[in-house]
Amino acid sequence: MSSESTEVWTGWYRDRRGAEAIVITADGRRIATRVRGVEYAGARLDALRAAEENGGLPPAGCVMEWDLPLPVHTDDGTQQATLSCLLALGEALSDGSPDRVDLQLTLHWCGAAYESGLAGGDFGQALDRIRRQLPPGSRLGRTVLEGAGATTA
C-alpha cells in the first residue's frame, strides 16, 4: 500500500450501548474510524484517540472487528485469503486509556485458520505469529494496515 492509497474496511463496533457498523480507513500514515459520530484516529491501532474537541480520549470498553482481503503467494501462484481482525479494548482507567488492548488476527486460507493468539495491540507482532505458521514457500502478499503499525506482509 503506497502512502497515496487509502484502504477501507467495514466492520462492527460493540459496547454496552449496543453495536453499530463502522468503516476503518488506513492511508499508510494513520488509521481512522468513526463511532457514534466521533472520529478516532492514530498512527497505530493501539494509538487511536478522539480529536481534542471530543475529549481526546481513546476508545475503551468496546470491541471492534473487521475482515480484510489478503493475497497469499505460494510457489503455485496467488490465492485470496481473508484476515479477520478483533480488537478488544478494556475498561477506561482514570486517565481514559483502556486497561488492556487485545488484538487477535485469524487468517482464513485454503480451508485452514491461522491464529495469532492475543498480541496486545501490536498488529505487526500478531501478523508475524501468523506468518510463522504458514506452510513453507507461502508468504502474505502485500502490506497490511501500514498505518496501523504493521509492515510489509
C-alpha atoms as a PDB file:
ATOM      1  CA  MET A   1       0.000   0.000   0.000  1.00  0.00           C
ATOM      2  CA  SER A   2       1.538   3.269  -1.006  1.00  0.00           C
ATOM      3  CA  SER A   3       1.194   6.372   1.087  1.00  0.00           C
ATOM      4  CA  GLU A   4      -1.132   7.788  -1.604  1.00  0.00           C
ATOM      5  CA  SER A   5      -3.631   4.925  -1.395  1.00  0.00           C
ATOM      6  CA  THR A   6      -6.304   4.531   1.199  1.00  0.00           C
ATOM      7  CA  GLU A   7      -7.627   1.145   2.209  1.00  0.00           C
ATOM      8  CA  VAL A   8     -11.166   0.892   3.548  1.00  0.00           C
ATOM      9  CA  TRP A   9     -12.698  -1.958   5.515  1.00  0.00           C
ATOM     10  CA  THR A  10     -16.132  -2.335   7.016  1.00  0.00           C
ATOM     11  CA  GLY A  11     -16.688  -3.890  10.389  1.00  0.00           C
ATOM     12  CA  TRP A  12     -18.529  -3.675  13.687  1.00  0.00           C
ATOM     13  CA  TYR A  13     -18.127  -1.755  16.912  1.00  0.00           C
ATOM     14  CA  ARG A  14     -19.752  -3.161  20.068  1.00  0.00           C
ATOM     15  CA  ASP A  15     -20.006  -1.872  23.615  1.00  0.00           C
ATOM     16  CA  ARG A  16     -22.577  -1.775  26.444  1.00  0.00           C
ATOM     17  CA  ARG A  17     -24.732   0.636  24.417  1.00  0.00           C
ATOM     18  CA  GLY A  18     -25.045  -1.781  21.501  1.00  0.00           C
ATOM     19  CA  ALA A  19     -23.470  -2.418  18.128  1.00  0.00           C
ATOM     20  CA  GLU A  20     -23.016  -0.348  15.018  1.00  0.00           C
ATOM     21  CA  ALA A  21     -21.381  -0.748  11.646  1.00  0.00           C
ATOM     22  CA  ILE A  22     -18.093   1.101  11.223  1.00  0.00           C
ATOM     23  CA  VAL A  23     -15.690   1.919   8.415  1.00  0.00           C
ATOM     24  CA  ILE A  24     -11.949   1.714   9.100  1.00  0.00           C
ATOM     25  CA  THR A  25      -9.510   3.539   6.831  1.00  0.00           C
ATOM     26  CA  ALA A  26      -5.729   3.289   6.639  1.00  0.00           C
ATOM     27  CA  ASP A  27      -3.637   5.500   4.362  1.00  0.00           C
ATOM     28  CA  GLY A  28      -0.097   4.485   5.281  1.00  0.00           C
ATOM     29  CA  ARG A  29       0.278   7.214   7.908  1.00  0.00           C
ATOM     30  CA  ARG A  30      -2.841   6.903  10.017  1.00  0.00           C
ATOM     31  CA  ILE A  31      -5.779   4.677  10.723  1.00  0.00           C
ATOM     32  CA  ALA A  32      -9.205   6.115  11.485  1.00  0.00           C
ATOM     33  CA  THR A  33     -12.783   5.154  12.251  1.00  0.00           C
ATOM     34  CA  ARG A  34     -15.933   6.966  13.332  1.00  0.00           C
ATOM     35  CA  VAL A  35     -18.077   5.659  16.192  1.00  0.00           C
ATOM     36  CA  ARG A  36     -21.369   7.320  17.133  1.00  0.00           C
ATOM     37  CA  GLY A  37     -20.329  10.495  15.366  1.00  0.00           C
ATOM     38  CA  VAL A  38     -16.861  10.709  16.965  1.00  0.00           C
ATOM     39  CA  GLU A  39     -13.787  10.164  14.802  1.00  0.00           C
ATOM     40  CA  TYR A  40     -10.917   8.192  16.305  1.00  0.00           C
ATOM     41  CA  ALA A  41      -7.549   8.341  14.560  1.00  0.00           C
ATOM     42  CA  GLY A  42      -3.929   7.470  15.240  1.00  0.00           C
ATOM     43  CA  ALA A  43      -0.704   6.178  13.807  1.00  0.00           C
ATOM     44  CA  ARG A  44      -1.495   2.640  15.042  1.00  0.00           C
ATOM     45  CA  LEU A  45      -4.490   0.653  16.242  1.00  0.00           C
ATOM     46  CA  ASP A  46      -3.327   0.927  19.841  1.00  0.00           C
ATOM     47  CA  ALA A  47      -2.967   4.727  19.473  1.00  0.00           C
ATOM     48  CA  LEU A  48      -6.493   5.635  18.340  1.00  0.00           C
ATOM     49  CA  ARG A  49      -7.800   8.804  20.024  1.00  0.00           C
ATOM     50  CA  ALA A  50     -10.710  11.167  19.576  1.00  0.00           C
ATOM     51  CA  ALA A  51      -9.945  14.726  18.500  1.00  0.00           C
ATOM     52  CA  GLU A  52      -9.326  17.165  21.366  1.00  0.00           C
ATOM     53  CA  GLU A  53     -12.737  18.813  20.830  1.00  0.00           C
ATOM     54  CA  ASN A  54     -14.270  15.380  21.516  1.00  0.00           C
ATOM     55  CA  GLY A  55     -12.269  14.768  24.690  1.00  0.00           C
ATOM     56  CA  GLY A  56      -9.041  13.451  23.143  1.00  0.00           C
ATOM     57  CA  LEU A  57      -9.569  10.051  24.753  1.00  0.00           C
ATOM     58  CA  PRO A  58      -9.070   6.646  23.175  1.00  0.00           C
ATOM     59  CA  PRO A  59     -11.996   4.250  22.797  1.00  0.00           C
ATOM     60  CA  ALA A  60     -12.424   1.920  25.798  1.00  0.00           C
ATOM     61  CA  GLY A  61     -14.810  -0.786  26.979  1.00  0.00           C
ATOM     62  CA  CYS A  62     -15.505  -1.983  23.452  1.00  0.00           C
ATOM     63  CA  VAL A  63     -14.718  -4.437  20.678  1.00  0.00           C
ATOM     64  CA  MET A  64     -14.010  -3.627  17.039  1.00  0.00           C
ATOM     65  CA  GLU A  65     -13.910  -6.309  14.388  1.00  0.00           C
ATOM     66  CA  TRP A  66     -13.381  -6.304  10.639  1.00  0.00           C
ATOM     67  CA  ASP A  67     -12.194  -8.525   7.801  1.00  0.00           C
ATOM     68  CA  LEU A  68      -9.793  -7.612   5.065  1.00  0.00           C
ATOM     69  CA  PRO A  69      -8.838  -9.434   1.879  1.00  0.00           C
ATOM     70  CA  LEU A  70      -5.243 -10.572   1.730  1.00  0.00           C
ATOM     71  CA  PRO A  71      -3.464 -12.432  -1.065  1.00  0.00           C
ATOM     72  CA  VAL A  72      -1.164 -15.318  -0.145  1.00  0.00           C
ATOM     73  CA  HIS A  73       1.621 -16.199  -2.566  1.00  0.00           C
ATOM     74  CA  THR A  74       2.905 -19.746  -2.961  1.00  0.00           C
ATOM     75  CA  ASP A  75       5.163 -21.456  -5.475  1.00  0.00           C
ATOM     76  CA  ASP A  76       1.958 -22.446  -7.339  1.00  0.00           C
ATOM     77  CA  GLY A  77       0.570 -18.903  -7.621  1.00  0.00           C
ATOM     78  CA  THR A  78      -1.523 -16.478  -5.621  1.00  0.00           C
ATOM     79  CA  GLN A  79      -4.681 -17.291  -3.693  1.00  0.00           C
ATOM     80  CA  GLN A  80      -7.056 -14.950  -1.930  1.00  0.00           C
ATOM     81  CA  ALA A  81      -7.388 -15.194   1.854  1.00  0.00           C
ATOM     82  CA  THR A  82      -9.279 -13.232   4.494  1.00  0.00           C
ATOM     83  CA  LEU A  83      -7.688 -11.738   7.585  1.00  0.00           C
ATOM     84  CA  SER A  84     -10.226 -11.432  10.408  1.00  0.00           C
ATOM     85  CA  CYS A  85      -9.268  -8.800  12.995  1.00  0.00           C
ATOM     86  CA  LEU A  86     -10.677  -8.482  16.518  1.00  0.00           C
ATOM     87  CA  LEU A  87      -9.560  -5.579  18.714  1.00  0.00           C
ATOM     88  CA  ALA A  88     -10.828  -5.668  22.324  1.00  0.00           C
ATOM     89  CA  LEU A  89     -10.275  -2.542  24.414  1.00  0.00           C
ATOM     90  CA  GLY A  90     -10.734  -2.881  28.171  1.00  0.00           C
ATOM     91  CA  GLU A  91     -12.493  -0.521  30.517  1.00  0.00           C
ATOM     92  CA  ALA A  92     -11.195   3.026  30.870  1.00  0.00           C
ATOM     93  CA  LEU A  93      -8.593   3.760  33.528  1.00  0.00           C
ATOM     94  CA  SER A  94      -8.573   7.078  35.404  1.00  0.00           C
ATOM     95  CA  ASP A  95      -6.666   8.712  32.504  1.00  0.00           C
ATOM     96  CA  GLY A  96      -9.243   7.426  29.987  1.00  0.00           C
ATOM     97  CA  SER A  97      -6.954   4.850  28.401  1.00  0.00           C
ATOM     98  CA  PRO A  98      -8.190   1.237  28.218  1.00  0.00           C
ATOM     99  CA  ASP A  99      -6.900  -1.091  30.948  1.00  0.00           C
ATOM    100  CA  ARG A 100      -5.964  -3.605  28.234  1.00  0.00           C
ATOM    101  CA  VAL A 101      -5.619  -3.737  24.459  1.00  0.00           C
ATOM    102  CA  ASP A 102      -6.008  -7.201  22.967  1.00  0.00           C
ATOM    103  CA  LEU A 103      -5.710  -7.872  19.261  1.00  0.00           C
ATOM    104  CA  GLN A 104      -6.399 -11.223  17.672  1.00  0.00           C
ATOM    105  CA  LEU A 105      -5.893 -11.939  13.979  1.00  0.00           C
ATOM    106  CA  THR A 106      -7.063 -15.035  12.124  1.00  0.00           C
ATOM    107  CA  LEU A 107      -6.017 -15.758   8.550  1.00  0.00           C
ATOM    108  CA  HIS A 108      -8.594 -17.902   6.706  1.00  0.00           C
ATOM    109  CA  TRP A 109      -6.850 -19.557   3.764  1.00  0.00           C
ATOM    110  CA  CYS A 110      -7.316 -22.820   1.867  1.00  0.00           C
ATOM    111  CA  GLY A 111      -9.733 -24.237   4.427  1.00  0.00           C
ATOM    112  CA  ALA A 112      -7.428 -23.564   7.393  1.00  0.00           C
ATOM    113  CA  ALA A 113      -7.415 -20.879  10.075  1.00  0.00           C
ATOM    114  CA  TYR A 114      -4.072 -19.490  11.257  1.00  0.00           C
ATOM    115  CA  GLU A 115      -4.463 -17.597  14.547  1.00  0.00           C
ATOM    116  CA  SER A 116      -2.202 -15.055  16.193  1.00  0.00           C
ATOM    117  CA  GLY A 117      -3.477 -15.569  19.704  1.00  0.00           C
ATOM    118  CA  LEU A 118      -3.689 -12.391  21.768  1.00  0.00           C
ATOM    119  CA  ALA A 119      -0.960  -9.934  20.903  1.00  0.00           C
ATOM    120  CA  GLY A 120      -1.600  -6.858  22.991  1.00  0.00           C
ATOM    121  CA  GLY A 121      -2.214  -4.079  20.494  1.00  0.00           C
ATOM    122  CA  ASP A 122       0.746  -4.830  18.244  1.00  0.00           C
ATOM    123  CA  PHE A 123      -0.545  -5.604  14.747  1.00  0.00           C
ATOM    124  CA  GLY A 124       2.912  -6.421  13.377  1.00  0.00           C
ATOM    125  CA  GLN A 125       3.602  -8.907  16.184  1.00  0.00           C
ATOM    126  CA  ALA A 126       0.247 -10.614  15.646  1.00  0.00           C
ATOM    127  CA  LEU A 127       0.855 -10.829  11.901  1.00  0.00           C
ATOM    128  CA  ASP A 128       4.348 -12.269  12.479  1.00  0.00           C
ATOM    129  CA  ARG A 129       2.804 -15.056  14.581  1.00  0.00           C
ATOM    130  CA  ILE A 130       0.594 -15.960  11.623  1.00  0.00           C
ATOM    131  CA  ARG A 131       3.491 -15.796   9.142  1.00  0.00           C
ATOM    132  CA  ARG A 132       5.444 -18.346  11.195  1.00  0.00           C
ATOM    133  CA  GLN A 133       2.551 -20.843  10.919  1.00  0.00           C
ATOM    134  CA  LEU A 134       2.210 -20.734   7.144  1.00  0.00           C
ATOM    135  CA  PRO A 135       3.463 -23.700   5.107  1.00  0.00           C
ATOM    136  CA  PRO A 136       6.994 -23.391   3.661  1.00  0.00           C
ATOM    137  CA  GLY A 137       7.031 -21.288   0.487  1.00  0.00           C
ATOM    138  CA  SER A 138       3.926 -19.322   1.476  1.00  0.00           C
ATOM    139  CA  ARG A 139       4.021 -15.604   2.111  1.00  0.00           C
ATOM    140  CA  LEU A 140       1.499 -12.865   2.659  1.00  0.00           C
ATOM    141  CA  GLY A 141       1.166 -10.803  -0.476  1.00  0.00           C
ATOM    142  CA  ARG A 142       1.074  -7.128   0.413  1.00  0.00           C
ATOM    143  CA  THR A 143       1.464  -4.521   3.082  1.00  0.00           C
ATOM    144  CA  VAL A 144      -1.315  -4.818   5.624  1.00  0.00           C
ATOM    145  CA  LEU A 145      -2.514  -1.909   7.720  1.00  0.00           C
ATOM    146  CA  GLU A 146       0.705   0.018   7.288  1.00  0.00           C
ATOM    147  CA  GLY A 147      -0.947   2.870   9.140  1.00  0.00           C
ATOM    148  CA  ALA A 148      -1.735   0.516  11.992  1.00  0.00           C
ATOM    149  CA  GLY A 149       1.899  -0.152  12.733  1.00  0.00           C
ATOM    150  CA  ALA A 150       2.341  -3.227  10.544  1.00  0.00           C
ATOM    151  CA  THR A 151       4.995  -3.545   7.891  1.00  0.00           C
ATOM    152  CA  THR A 152       5.183  -5.446   4.631  1.00  0.00           C
ATOM    153  CA  ALA A 153       3.081  -8.563   4.908  1.00  0.00           C
END
